[in-house]
């Protein structure tokens, strides 16, 4: 999470839905922020673009013994995040 905070210091998260089960919690939300700091992606550090992003995401948390055991984050890195940063073409541009 520190990398997201460094890259998007004005970021916010809107929680849209929360689903719970015996051993799982699923969160649906939207991450928003302005890319004004260095952000480390899979290909290395991305220098600030000054662009704003509005990126839907889902997190799946596994629970065991009343503790979080694991967390998986899912979002569309290419057609949502990277295209909003101006680093990839949008599907319409491709």
PDB file of N, CA and C in Angstrom:
ATOM      1  N   UNK A   1       0.812  -1.197   0.000  1.00  0.00           N
ATOM      2  CA  UNK A   1       0.000   0.000   0.000  1.00  0.00           C
ATOM      3  C   UNK A   1       0.857   1.263   0.000  1.00  0.00           C
ATOM      4  N   UNK A   2       2.058   1.155   0.532  1.00  0.00           N
ATOM      5  CA  UNK A   2       2.939   2.313   0.605  1.00  0.00           C
ATOM      6  C   UNK A   2       3.260   2.861  -0.785  1.00  0.00           C
ATOM      7  N   UNK A   3       3.448   1.966  -1.751  1.00  0.00           N
ATOM      8  CA  UNK A   3       3.744   2.393  -3.118  1.00  0.00           C
ATOM      9  C   UNK A   3       2.613   3.195  -3.737  1.00  0.00           C
ATOM     10  N   UNK A   4       1.375   2.792  -3.456  1.00  0.00           N
ATOM     11  CA  UNK A   4       0.213   3.542  -3.950  1.00  0.00           C
ATOM     12  C   UNK A   4       0.155   4.914  -3.291  1.00  0.00           C
ATOM     13  N   UNK A   5       0.417   4.973  -1.984  1.00  0.00           N
ATOM     14  CA  UNK A   5       0.390   6.246  -1.262  1.00  0.00           C
ATOM     15  C   UNK A   5       1.500   7.172  -1.755  1.00  0.00           C
ATOM     16  N   UNK A   6       2.667   6.625  -2.083  1.00  0.00           N
ATOM     17  CA  UNK A   6       3.769   7.434  -2.605  1.00  0.00           C
ATOM     18  C   UNK A   6       3.439   7.995  -3.986  1.00  0.00           C
ATOM     19  N   UNK A   7       2.868   7.170  -4.839  1.00  0.00           N
ATOM     20  CA  UNK A   7       2.563   7.579  -6.206  1.00  0.00           C
ATOM     21  C   UNK A   7       1.353   8.485  -6.323  1.00  0.00           C
ATOM     22  N   UNK A   8       0.393   8.304  -5.415  1.00  0.00           N
ATOM     23  CA  UNK A   8      -0.870   9.044  -5.460  1.00  0.00           C
ATOM     24  C   UNK A   8      -1.170   9.605  -4.067  1.00  0.00           C
ATOM     25  N   UNK A   9      -0.407  10.607  -3.607  1.00  0.00           N
ATOM     26  CA  UNK A   9      -0.537  11.070  -2.222  1.00  0.00           C
ATOM     27  C   UNK A   9      -1.901  11.664  -1.870  1.00  0.00           C
ATOM     28  N   UNK A  10      -2.674  12.084  -2.857  1.00  0.00           N
ATOM     29  CA  UNK A  10      -4.015  12.620  -2.582  1.00  0.00           C
ATOM     30  C   UNK A  10      -5.104  11.563  -2.744  1.00  0.00           C
ATOM     31  N   UNK A  11      -4.726  10.299  -2.782  1.00  0.00           N
ATOM     32  CA  UNK A  11      -5.667   9.224  -3.119  1.00  0.00           C
ATOM     33  C   UNK A  11      -6.774   9.049  -2.092  1.00  0.00           C
ATOM     34  N   UNK A  12      -7.854   8.467  -2.602  1.00  0.00           N
ATOM     35  CA  UNK A  12      -8.987   8.086  -1.759  1.00  0.00           C
ATOM     36  C   UNK A  12      -9.565   6.788  -2.296  1.00  0.00           C
ATOM     37  N   UNK A  13     -10.283   6.088  -1.438  1.00  0.00           N
ATOM     38  CA  UNK A  13     -10.938   4.841  -1.818  1.00  0.00           C
ATOM     39  C   UNK A  13     -12.407   4.951  -1.470  1.00  0.00           C
ATOM     40  N   UNK A  14     -13.249   4.642  -2.447  1.00  0.00           N
ATOM     41  CA  UNK A  14     -14.690   4.575  -2.224  1.00  0.00           C
ATOM     42  C   UNK A  14     -15.084   3.104  -2.169  1.00  0.00           C
ATOM     43  N   UNK A  15     -15.585   2.667  -1.040  1.00  0.00           N
ATOM     44  CA  UNK A  15     -16.055   1.297  -0.904  1.00  0.00           C
ATOM     45  C   UNK A  15     -17.483   1.231  -1.418  1.00  0.00           C
ATOM     46  N   UNK A  16     -17.709   0.419  -2.449  1.00  0.00           N
ATOM     47  CA  UNK A  16     -19.038   0.330  -3.064  1.00  0.00           C
ATOM     48  C   UNK A  16     -19.856  -0.833  -2.526  1.00  0.00           C
ATOM     49  N   UNK A  17     -19.189  -1.968  -2.301  1.00  0.00           N
ATOM     50  CA  UNK A  17     -19.892  -3.154  -1.806  1.00  0.00           C
ATOM     51  C   UNK A  17     -18.957  -3.966  -0.926  1.00  0.00           C
ATOM     52  N   UNK A  18     -19.540  -4.655   0.020  1.00  0.00           N
ATOM     53  CA  UNK A  18     -18.797  -5.533   0.917  1.00  0.00           C
ATOM     54  C   UNK A  18     -19.594  -6.821   1.055  1.00  0.00           C
ATOM     55  N   UNK A  19     -18.958  -7.939   0.715  1.00  0.00           N
ATOM     56  CA  UNK A  19     -19.604  -9.247   0.795  1.00  0.00           C
ATOM     57  C   UNK A  19     -18.841 -10.102   1.794  1.00  0.00           C
ATOM     58  N   UNK A  20     -19.556 -10.766   2.696  1.00  0.00           N
ATOM     59  CA  UNK A  20     -18.886 -11.580   3.713  1.00  0.00           C
ATOM     60  C   UNK A  20     -19.407 -13.007   3.696  1.00  0.00           C
ATOM     61  N   UNK A  21     -18.531 -13.918   4.051  1.00  0.00           N
ATOM     62  CA  UNK A  21     -18.858 -15.332   4.207  1.00  0.00           C
ATOM     63  C   UNK A  21     -18.154 -15.843   5.439  1.00  0.00           C
ATOM     64  N   UNK A  22     -18.180 -17.135   5.650  1.00  0.00           N
ATOM     65  CA  UNK A  22     -17.553 -17.717   6.843  1.00  0.00           C
ATOM     66  C   UNK A  22     -16.055 -17.461   6.911  1.00  0.00           C
ATOM     67  N   UNK A  23     -15.374 -17.561   5.772  1.00  0.00           N
ATOM     68  CA  UNK A  23     -13.914 -17.411   5.785  1.00  0.00           C
ATOM     69  C   UNK A  23     -13.407 -16.472   4.699  1.00  0.00           C
ATOM     70  N   UNK A  24     -14.280 -15.601   4.192  1.00  0.00           N
ATOM     71  CA  UNK A  24     -13.876 -14.696   3.121  1.00  0.00           C
ATOM     72  C   UNK A  24     -14.642 -13.371   3.225  1.00  0.00           C
ATOM     73  N   UNK A  25     -13.935 -12.295   2.851  1.00  0.00           N
ATOM     74  CA  UNK A  25     -14.546 -10.971   2.731  1.00  0.00           C
ATOM     75  C   UNK A  25     -14.131 -10.439   1.361  1.00  0.00           C
ATOM     76  N   UNK A  26     -15.100  -9.983   0.580  1.00  0.00           N
ATOM     77  CA  UNK A  26     -14.827  -9.416  -0.735  1.00  0.00           C
ATOM     78  C   UNK A  26     -15.261  -7.952  -0.730  1.00  0.00           C
ATOM     79  N   UNK A  27     -14.340  -7.080  -1.124  1.00  0.00           N
ATOM     80  CA  UNK A  27     -14.613  -5.645  -1.185  1.00  0.00           C
ATOM     81  C   UNK A  27     -14.604  -5.209  -2.646  1.00  0.00           C
ATOM     82  N   UNK A  28     -15.576  -4.411  -3.021  1.00  0.00           N
ATOM     83  CA  UNK A  28     -15.602  -3.790  -4.339  1.00  0.00           C
ATOM     84  C   UNK A  28     -15.496  -2.290  -4.118  1.00  0.00           C
ATOM     85  N   UNK A  29     -14.581  -1.640  -4.833  1.00  0.00           N
ATOM     86  CA  UNK A  29     -14.406  -0.220  -4.624  1.00  0.00           C
ATOM     87  C   UNK A  29     -13.797   0.485  -5.813  1.00  0.00           C
ATOM     88  N   UNK A  30     -13.518   1.768  -5.620  1.00  0.00           N
ATOM     89  CA  UNK A  30     -12.882   2.592  -6.641  1.00  0.00           C
ATOM     90  C   UNK A  30     -11.739   3.356  -5.981  1.00  0.00           C
ATOM     91  N   UNK A  31     -10.567   3.274  -6.595  1.00  0.00           N
ATOM     92  CA  UNK A  31      -9.384   4.015  -6.159  1.00  0.00           C
ATOM     93  C   UNK A  31      -9.284   5.264  -7.016  1.00  0.00           C
ATOM     94  N   UNK A  32      -9.105   6.422  -6.373  1.00  0.00           N
ATOM     95  CA  UNK A  32      -8.958   7.681  -7.099  1.00  0.00           C
ATOM     96  C   UNK A  32      -7.726   8.424  -6.575  1.00  0.00           C
ATOM     97  N   UNK A  33      -7.041   9.092  -7.474  1.00  0.00           N
ATOM     98  CA  UNK A  33      -5.909   9.891  -7.050  1.00  0.00           C
ATOM     99  C   UNK A  33      -5.215  10.535  -8.229  1.00  0.00           C
ATOM    100  N   UNK A  34      -4.253  11.400  -7.905  1.00  0.00           N
ATOM    101  CA  UNK A  34      -3.463  12.082  -8.919  1.00  0.00           C
ATOM    102  C   UNK A  34      -2.025  11.577  -8.813  1.00  0.00           C
ATOM    103  N   UNK A  35      -1.475  11.175  -9.938  1.00  0.00           N
ATOM    104  CA  UNK A  35      -0.140  10.582  -9.983  1.00  0.00           C
ATOM    105  C   UNK A  35       0.920  11.685  -9.915  1.00  0.00           C
ATOM    106  N   UNK A  36       1.284  12.078  -8.689  1.00  0.00           N
ATOM    107  CA  UNK A  36       2.253  13.154  -8.491  1.00  0.00           C
ATOM    108  C   UNK A  36       3.557  12.686  -7.851  1.00  0.00           C
ATOM    109  N   UNK A  37       3.661  11.401  -7.579  1.00  0.00           N
ATOM    110  CA  UNK A  37       4.891  10.852  -7.002  1.00  0.00           C
ATOM    111  C   UNK A  37       5.313   9.612  -7.760  1.00  0.00           C
ATOM    112  N   UNK A  38       6.531   9.120  -7.528  1.00  0.00           N
ATOM    113  CA  UNK A  38       6.973   7.900  -8.207  1.00  0.00           C
ATOM    114  C   UNK A  38       6.118   6.709  -7.772  1.00  0.00           C
ATOM    115  N   UNK A  39       5.777   5.870  -8.740  1.00  0.00           N
ATOM    116  CA  UNK A  39       4.927   4.697  -8.507  1.00  0.00           C
ATOM    117  C   UNK A  39       5.637   3.483  -9.076  1.00  0.00           C
ATOM    118  N   UNK A  40       5.800   2.462  -8.269  1.00  0.00           N
ATOM    119  CA  UNK A  40       6.493   1.263  -8.723  1.00  0.00           C
ATOM    120  C   UNK A  40       5.476   0.278  -9.274  1.00  0.00           C
ATOM    121  N   UNK A  41       5.617  -0.023 -10.569  1.00  0.00           N
ATOM    122  CA  UNK A  41       4.777  -1.007 -11.234  1.00  0.00           C
ATOM    123  C   UNK A  41       5.576  -2.255 -11.530  1.00  0.00           C
ATOM    124  N   UNK A  42       4.946  -3.243 -12.163  1.00  0.00           N
ATOM    125  CA  UNK A  42       5.653  -4.504 -12.474  1.00  0.00           C
ATOM    126  C   UNK A  42       6.892  -4.295 -13.337  1.00  0.00           C
ATOM    127  N   UNK A  43       6.894  -3.256 -14.174  1.00  0.00           N
ATOM    128  CA  UNK A  43       8.032  -3.002 -15.051  1.00  0.00           C
ATOM    129  C   UNK A  43       9.049  -2.039 -14.476  1.00  0.00           C
ATOM    130  N   UNK A  44       8.858  -1.632 -13.219  1.00  0.00           N
ATOM    131  CA  UNK A  44       9.782  -0.696 -12.596  1.00  0.00           C
ATOM    132  C   UNK A  44       9.081   0.580 -12.178  1.00  0.00           C
ATOM    133  N   UNK A  45       9.881   1.592 -11.870  1.00  0.00           N
ATOM    134  CA  UNK A  45       9.333   2.851 -11.358  1.00  0.00           C
ATOM    135  C   UNK A  45       8.744   3.687 -12.487  1.00  0.00           C
ATOM    136  N   UNK A  46       7.536   4.208 -12.250  1.00  0.00           N
ATOM    137  CA  UNK A  46       6.857   5.080 -13.198  1.00  0.00           C
ATOM    138  C   UNK A  46       6.935   6.493 -12.638  1.00  0.00           C
ATOM    139  N   UNK A  47       7.557   7.374 -13.394  1.00  0.00           N
ATOM    140  CA  UNK A  47       7.693   8.770 -12.961  1.00  0.00           C
ATOM    141  C   UNK A  47       6.326   9.463 -13.011  1.00  0.00           C
ATOM    142  N   UNK A  48       6.115  10.469 -12.170  1.00  0.00           N
ATOM    143  CA  UNK A  48       4.810  11.145 -12.100  1.00  0.00           C
ATOM    144  C   UNK A  48       4.351  11.680 -13.458  1.00  0.00           C
ATOM    145  N   UNK A  49       3.082  11.448 -13.750  1.00  0.00           N
ATOM    146  CA  UNK A  49       2.487  11.939 -14.994  1.00  0.00           C
ATOM    147  C   UNK A  49       1.597  13.152 -14.745  1.00  0.00           C
ATOM    148  N   UNK A  50       1.207  13.383 -13.493  1.00  0.00           N
ATOM    149  CA  UNK A  50       0.297  14.475 -13.173  1.00  0.00           C
ATOM    150  C   UNK A  50      -1.148  14.178 -13.523  1.00  0.00           C
ATOM    151  N   UNK A  51      -1.423  12.971 -13.995  1.00  0.00           N
ATOM    152  CA  UNK A  51      -2.782  12.604 -14.407  1.00  0.00           C
ATOM    153  C   UNK A  51      -3.562  11.995 -13.253  1.00  0.00           C
ATOM    154  N   UNK A  52      -4.865  12.146 -13.327  1.00  0.00           N
ATOM    155  CA  UNK A  52      -5.765  11.554 -12.331  1.00  0.00           C
ATOM    156  C   UNK A  52      -6.243  10.199 -12.799  1.00  0.00           C
ATOM    157  N   UNK A  53      -6.495   9.321 -11.845  1.00  0.00           N
ATOM    158  CA  UNK A  53      -7.032   7.994 -12.154  1.00  0.00           C
ATOM    159  C   UNK A  53      -8.315   7.750 -11.358  1.00  0.00           C
ATOM    160  N   UNK A  54      -9.146   6.921 -11.923  1.00  0.00           N
ATOM    161  CA  UNK A  54     -10.411   6.499 -11.322  1.00  0.00           C
ATOM    162  C   UNK A  54     -10.516   5.021 -11.669  1.00  0.00           C
ATOM    163  N   UNK A  55     -10.049   4.156 -10.770  1.00  0.00           N
ATOM    164  CA  UNK A  55      -9.844   2.749 -11.085  1.00  0.00           C
ATOM    165  C   UNK A  55     -10.660   1.824 -10.193  1.00  0.00           C
ATOM    166  N   UNK A  56     -11.619   1.090 -10.769  1.00  0.00           N
ATOM    167  CA  UNK A  56     -12.356   0.102  -9.981  1.00  0.00           C
ATOM    168  C   UNK A  56     -11.426  -1.042  -9.543  1.00  0.00           C
ATOM    169  N   UNK A  57     -11.707  -1.620  -8.385  1.00  0.00           N
ATOM    170  CA  UNK A  57     -10.911  -2.749  -7.895  1.00  0.00           C
ATOM    171  C   UNK A  57     -11.777  -3.686  -7.068  1.00  0.00           C
ATOM    172  N   UNK A  58     -11.246  -4.885  -6.846  1.00  0.00           N
ATOM    173  CA  UNK A  58     -11.856  -5.880  -5.970  1.00  0.00           C
ATOM    174  C   UNK A  58     -10.745  -6.460  -5.112  1.00  0.00           C
ATOM    175  N   UNK A  59     -11.026  -6.684  -3.844  1.00  0.00           N
ATOM    176  CA  UNK A  59     -10.087  -7.349  -2.938  1.00  0.00           C
ATOM    177  C   UNK A  59     -10.794  -8.548  -2.341  1.00  0.00           C
ATOM    178  N   UNK A  60     -10.057  -9.655  -2.273  1.00  0.00           N
ATOM    179  CA  UNK A  60     -10.574 -10.870  -1.649  1.00  0.00           C
ATOM    180  C   UNK A  60      -9.682 -11.180  -0.452  1.00  0.00           C
ATOM    181  N   UNK A  61     -10.277 -11.160   0.736  1.00  0.00           N
ATOM    182  CA  UNK A  61      -9.557 -11.432   1.977  1.00  0.00           C
ATOM    183  C   UNK A  61      -9.974 -12.798   2.507  1.00  0.00           C
ATOM    184  N   UNK A  62      -9.011 -13.680   2.720  1.00  0.00           N
ATOM    185  CA  UNK A  62      -9.271 -14.978   3.363  1.00  0.00           C
ATOM    186  C   UNK A  62      -9.051 -14.812   4.860  1.00  0.00           C
ATOM    187  N   UNK A  63      -9.913 -15.442   5.646  1.00  0.00           N
ATOM    188  CA  UNK A  63      -9.856 -15.329   7.097  1.00  0.00           C
ATOM    189  C   UNK A  63      -9.712 -16.719   7.705  1.00  0.00           C
ATOM    190  N   UNK A  64      -8.853 -16.832   8.717  1.00  0.00           N
ATOM    191  CA  UNK A  64      -8.663 -18.075   9.462  1.00  0.00           C
ATOM    192  C   UNK A  64      -8.324 -17.757  10.903  1.00  0.00           C
ATOM    193  N   UNK A  65      -8.961 -18.428  11.829  1.00  0.00           N
ATOM    194  CA  UNK A  65      -8.739 -18.174  13.258  1.00  0.00           C
ATOM    195  C   UNK A  65      -8.945 -16.698  13.614  1.00  0.00           C
ATOM    196  N   UNK A  66      -9.980 -16.087  13.035  1.00  0.00           N
ATOM    197  CA  UNK A  66     -10.343 -14.685  13.304  1.00  0.00           C
ATOM    198  C   UNK A  66      -9.247 -13.694  12.906  1.00  0.00           C
ATOM    199  N   UNK A  67      -8.391 -14.082  11.937  1.00  0.00           N
ATOM    200  CA  UNK A  67      -7.330 -13.200  11.447  1.00  0.00           C
ATOM    201  C   UNK A  67      -7.328 -13.227   9.923  1.00  0.00           C
ATOM    202  N   UNK A  68      -6.848 -12.128   9.324  1.00  0.00           N
ATOM    203  CA  UNK A  68      -6.662 -12.134   7.880  1.00  0.00           C
ATOM    204  C   UNK A  68      -5.489 -13.041   7.535  1.00  0.00           C
ATOM    205  N   UNK A  69      -5.722 -13.989   6.643  1.00  0.00           N
ATOM    206  CA  UNK A  69      -4.696 -14.946   6.231  1.00  0.00           C
ATOM    207  C   UNK A  69      -4.041 -14.492   4.925  1.00  0.00           C
ATOM    208  N   UNK A  70      -4.854 -13.954   4.020  1.00  0.00           N
ATOM    209  CA  UNK A  70      -4.323 -13.484   2.748  1.00  0.00           C
ATOM    210  C   UNK A  70      -5.235 -12.412   2.170  1.00  0.00           C
ATOM    211  N   UNK A  71      -4.666 -11.652   1.243  1.00  0.00           N
ATOM    212  CA  UNK A  71      -5.425 -10.611   0.553  1.00  0.00           C
ATOM    213  C   UNK A  71      -4.991 -10.604  -0.903  1.00  0.00           C
ATOM    214  N   UNK A  72      -5.946 -10.641  -1.805  1.00  0.00           N
ATOM    215  CA  UNK A  72      -5.669 -10.565  -3.245  1.00  0.00           C
ATOM    216  C   UNK A  72      -6.364  -9.322  -3.789  1.00  0.00           C
ATOM    217  N   UNK A  73      -5.636  -8.531  -4.558  1.00  0.00           N
ATOM    218  CA  UNK A  73      -6.158  -7.307  -5.152  1.00  0.00           C
ATOM    219  C   UNK A  73      -6.289  -7.519  -6.648  1.00  0.00           C
ATOM    220  N   UNK A  74      -7.460  -7.182  -7.203  1.00  0.00           N
ATOM    221  CA  UNK A  74      -7.725  -7.337  -8.627  1.00  0.00           C
ATOM    222  C   UNK A  74      -8.177  -6.000  -9.206  1.00  0.00           C
ATOM    223  N   UNK A  75      -7.522  -5.574 -10.282  1.00  0.00           N
ATOM    224  CA  UNK A  75      -7.915  -4.375 -11.018  1.00  0.00           C
ATOM    225  C   UNK A  75      -7.360  -4.480 -12.421  1.00  0.00           C
ATOM    226  N   UNK A  76      -7.909  -3.704 -13.324  1.00  0.00           N
ATOM    227  CA  UNK A  76      -7.483  -3.718 -14.724  1.00  0.00           C
ATOM    228  C   UNK A  76      -6.329  -2.740 -14.895  1.00  0.00           C
ATOM    229  N   UNK A  77      -5.123  -3.258 -14.832  1.00  0.00           N
ATOM    230  CA  UNK A  77      -3.937  -2.406 -14.879  1.00  0.00           C
ATOM    231  C   UNK A  77      -3.724  -1.781 -16.259  1.00  0.00           C
ATOM    232  N   UNK A  78      -4.054  -2.494 -17.323  1.00  0.00           N
ATOM    233  CA  UNK A  78      -3.739  -2.001 -18.663  1.00  0.00           C
ATOM    234  C   UNK A  78      -4.779  -1.014 -19.170  1.00  0.00           C
ATOM    235  N   UNK A  79      -6.018  -1.470 -19.345  1.00  0.00           N
ATOM    236  CA  UNK A  79      -7.001  -0.601 -19.999  1.00  0.00           C
ATOM    237  C   UNK A  79      -7.591   0.445 -19.063  1.00  0.00           C
ATOM    238  N   UNK A  80      -7.377   0.321 -17.773  1.00  0.00           N
ATOM    239  CA  UNK A  80      -7.889   1.342 -16.858  1.00  0.00           C
ATOM    240  C   UNK A  80      -6.742   2.182 -16.325  1.00  0.00           C
ATOM    241  N   UNK A  81      -5.888   1.620 -15.493  1.00  0.00           N
ATOM    242  CA  UNK A  81      -4.853   2.407 -14.824  1.00  0.00           C
ATOM    243  C   UNK A  81      -3.830   2.989 -15.798  1.00  0.00           C
ATOM    244  N   UNK A  82      -3.179   2.157 -16.594  1.00  0.00           N
ATOM    245  CA  UNK A  82      -2.100   2.633 -17.466  1.00  0.00           C
ATOM    246  C   UNK A  82      -2.600   3.558 -18.564  1.00  0.00           C
ATOM    247  N   UNK A  83      -3.808   3.313 -19.088  1.00  0.00           N
ATOM    248  CA  UNK A  83      -4.329   4.224 -20.119  1.00  0.00           C
ATOM    249  C   UNK A  83      -4.695   5.569 -19.507  1.00  0.00           C
ATOM    250  N   UNK A  84      -5.198   5.587 -18.273  1.00  0.00           N
ATOM    251  CA  UNK A  84      -5.506   6.858 -17.620  1.00  0.00           C
ATOM    252  C   UNK A  84      -4.234   7.651 -17.312  1.00  0.00           C
ATOM    253  N   UNK A  85      -3.141   6.951 -17.092  1.00  0.00           N
ATOM    254  CA  UNK A  85      -1.852   7.622 -16.864  1.00  0.00           C
ATOM    255  C   UNK A  85      -1.202   8.073 -18.176  1.00  0.00           C
ATOM    256  N   UNK A  86      -1.788   7.689 -19.331  1.00  0.00           N
ATOM    257  CA  UNK A  86      -1.246   8.054 -20.625  1.00  0.00           C
ATOM    258  C   UNK A  86      -0.115   7.169 -21.078  1.00  0.00           C
ATOM    259  N   UNK A  87       0.033   5.998 -20.452  1.00  0.00           N
ATOM    260  CA  UNK A  87       1.149   5.098 -20.760  1.00  0.00           C
ATOM    261  C   UNK A  87       0.761   3.959 -21.695  1.00  0.00           C
ATOM    262  N   UNK A  88      -0.525   3.782 -21.936  1.00  0.00           N
ATOM    263  CA  UNK A  88      -1.037   2.757 -22.859  1.00  0.00           C
ATOM    264  C   UNK A  88      -2.211   3.374 -23.616  1.00  0.00           C
ATOM    265  N   UNK A  89      -2.448   2.935 -24.855  1.00  0.00           N
ATOM    266  CA  UNK A  89      -3.627   3.444 -25.545  1.00  0.00           C
ATOM    267  C   UNK A  89      -4.899   2.888 -24.931  1.00  0.00           C
ATOM    268  N   UNK A  90      -5.974   3.649 -25.007  1.00  0.00           N
ATOM    269  CA  UNK A  90      -7.265   3.128 -24.580  1.00  0.00           C
ATOM    270  C   UNK A  90      -7.721   2.088 -25.593  1.00  0.00           C
ATOM    271  N   UNK A  91      -8.686   1.244 -25.255  1.00  0.00           N
ATOM    272  CA  UNK A  91      -9.182   0.257 -26.233  1.00  0.00           C
ATOM    273  C   UNK A  91      -9.664   0.935 -27.517  1.00  0.00           C
ATOM    274  N   UNK A  92     -10.242   2.119 -27.414  1.00  0.00           N
ATOM    275  CA  UNK A  92     -10.727   2.825 -28.600  1.00  0.00           C
ATOM    276  C   UNK A  92      -9.568   3.307 -29.484  1.00  0.00           C
ATOM    277  N   UNK A  93      -8.440   3.636 -28.861  1.00  0.00           N
ATOM    278  CA  UNK A  93      -7.276   4.111 -29.602  1.00  0.00           C
ATOM    279  C   UNK A  93      -6.479   2.969 -30.218  1.00  0.00           C
ATOM    280  N   UNK A  94      -6.583   1.781 -29.641  1.00  0.00           N
ATOM    281  CA  UNK A  94      -5.764   0.644 -30.079  1.00  0.00           C
ATOM    282  C   UNK A  94      -6.205   0.113 -31.434  1.00  0.00           C
TER     283      UNK A  94
END
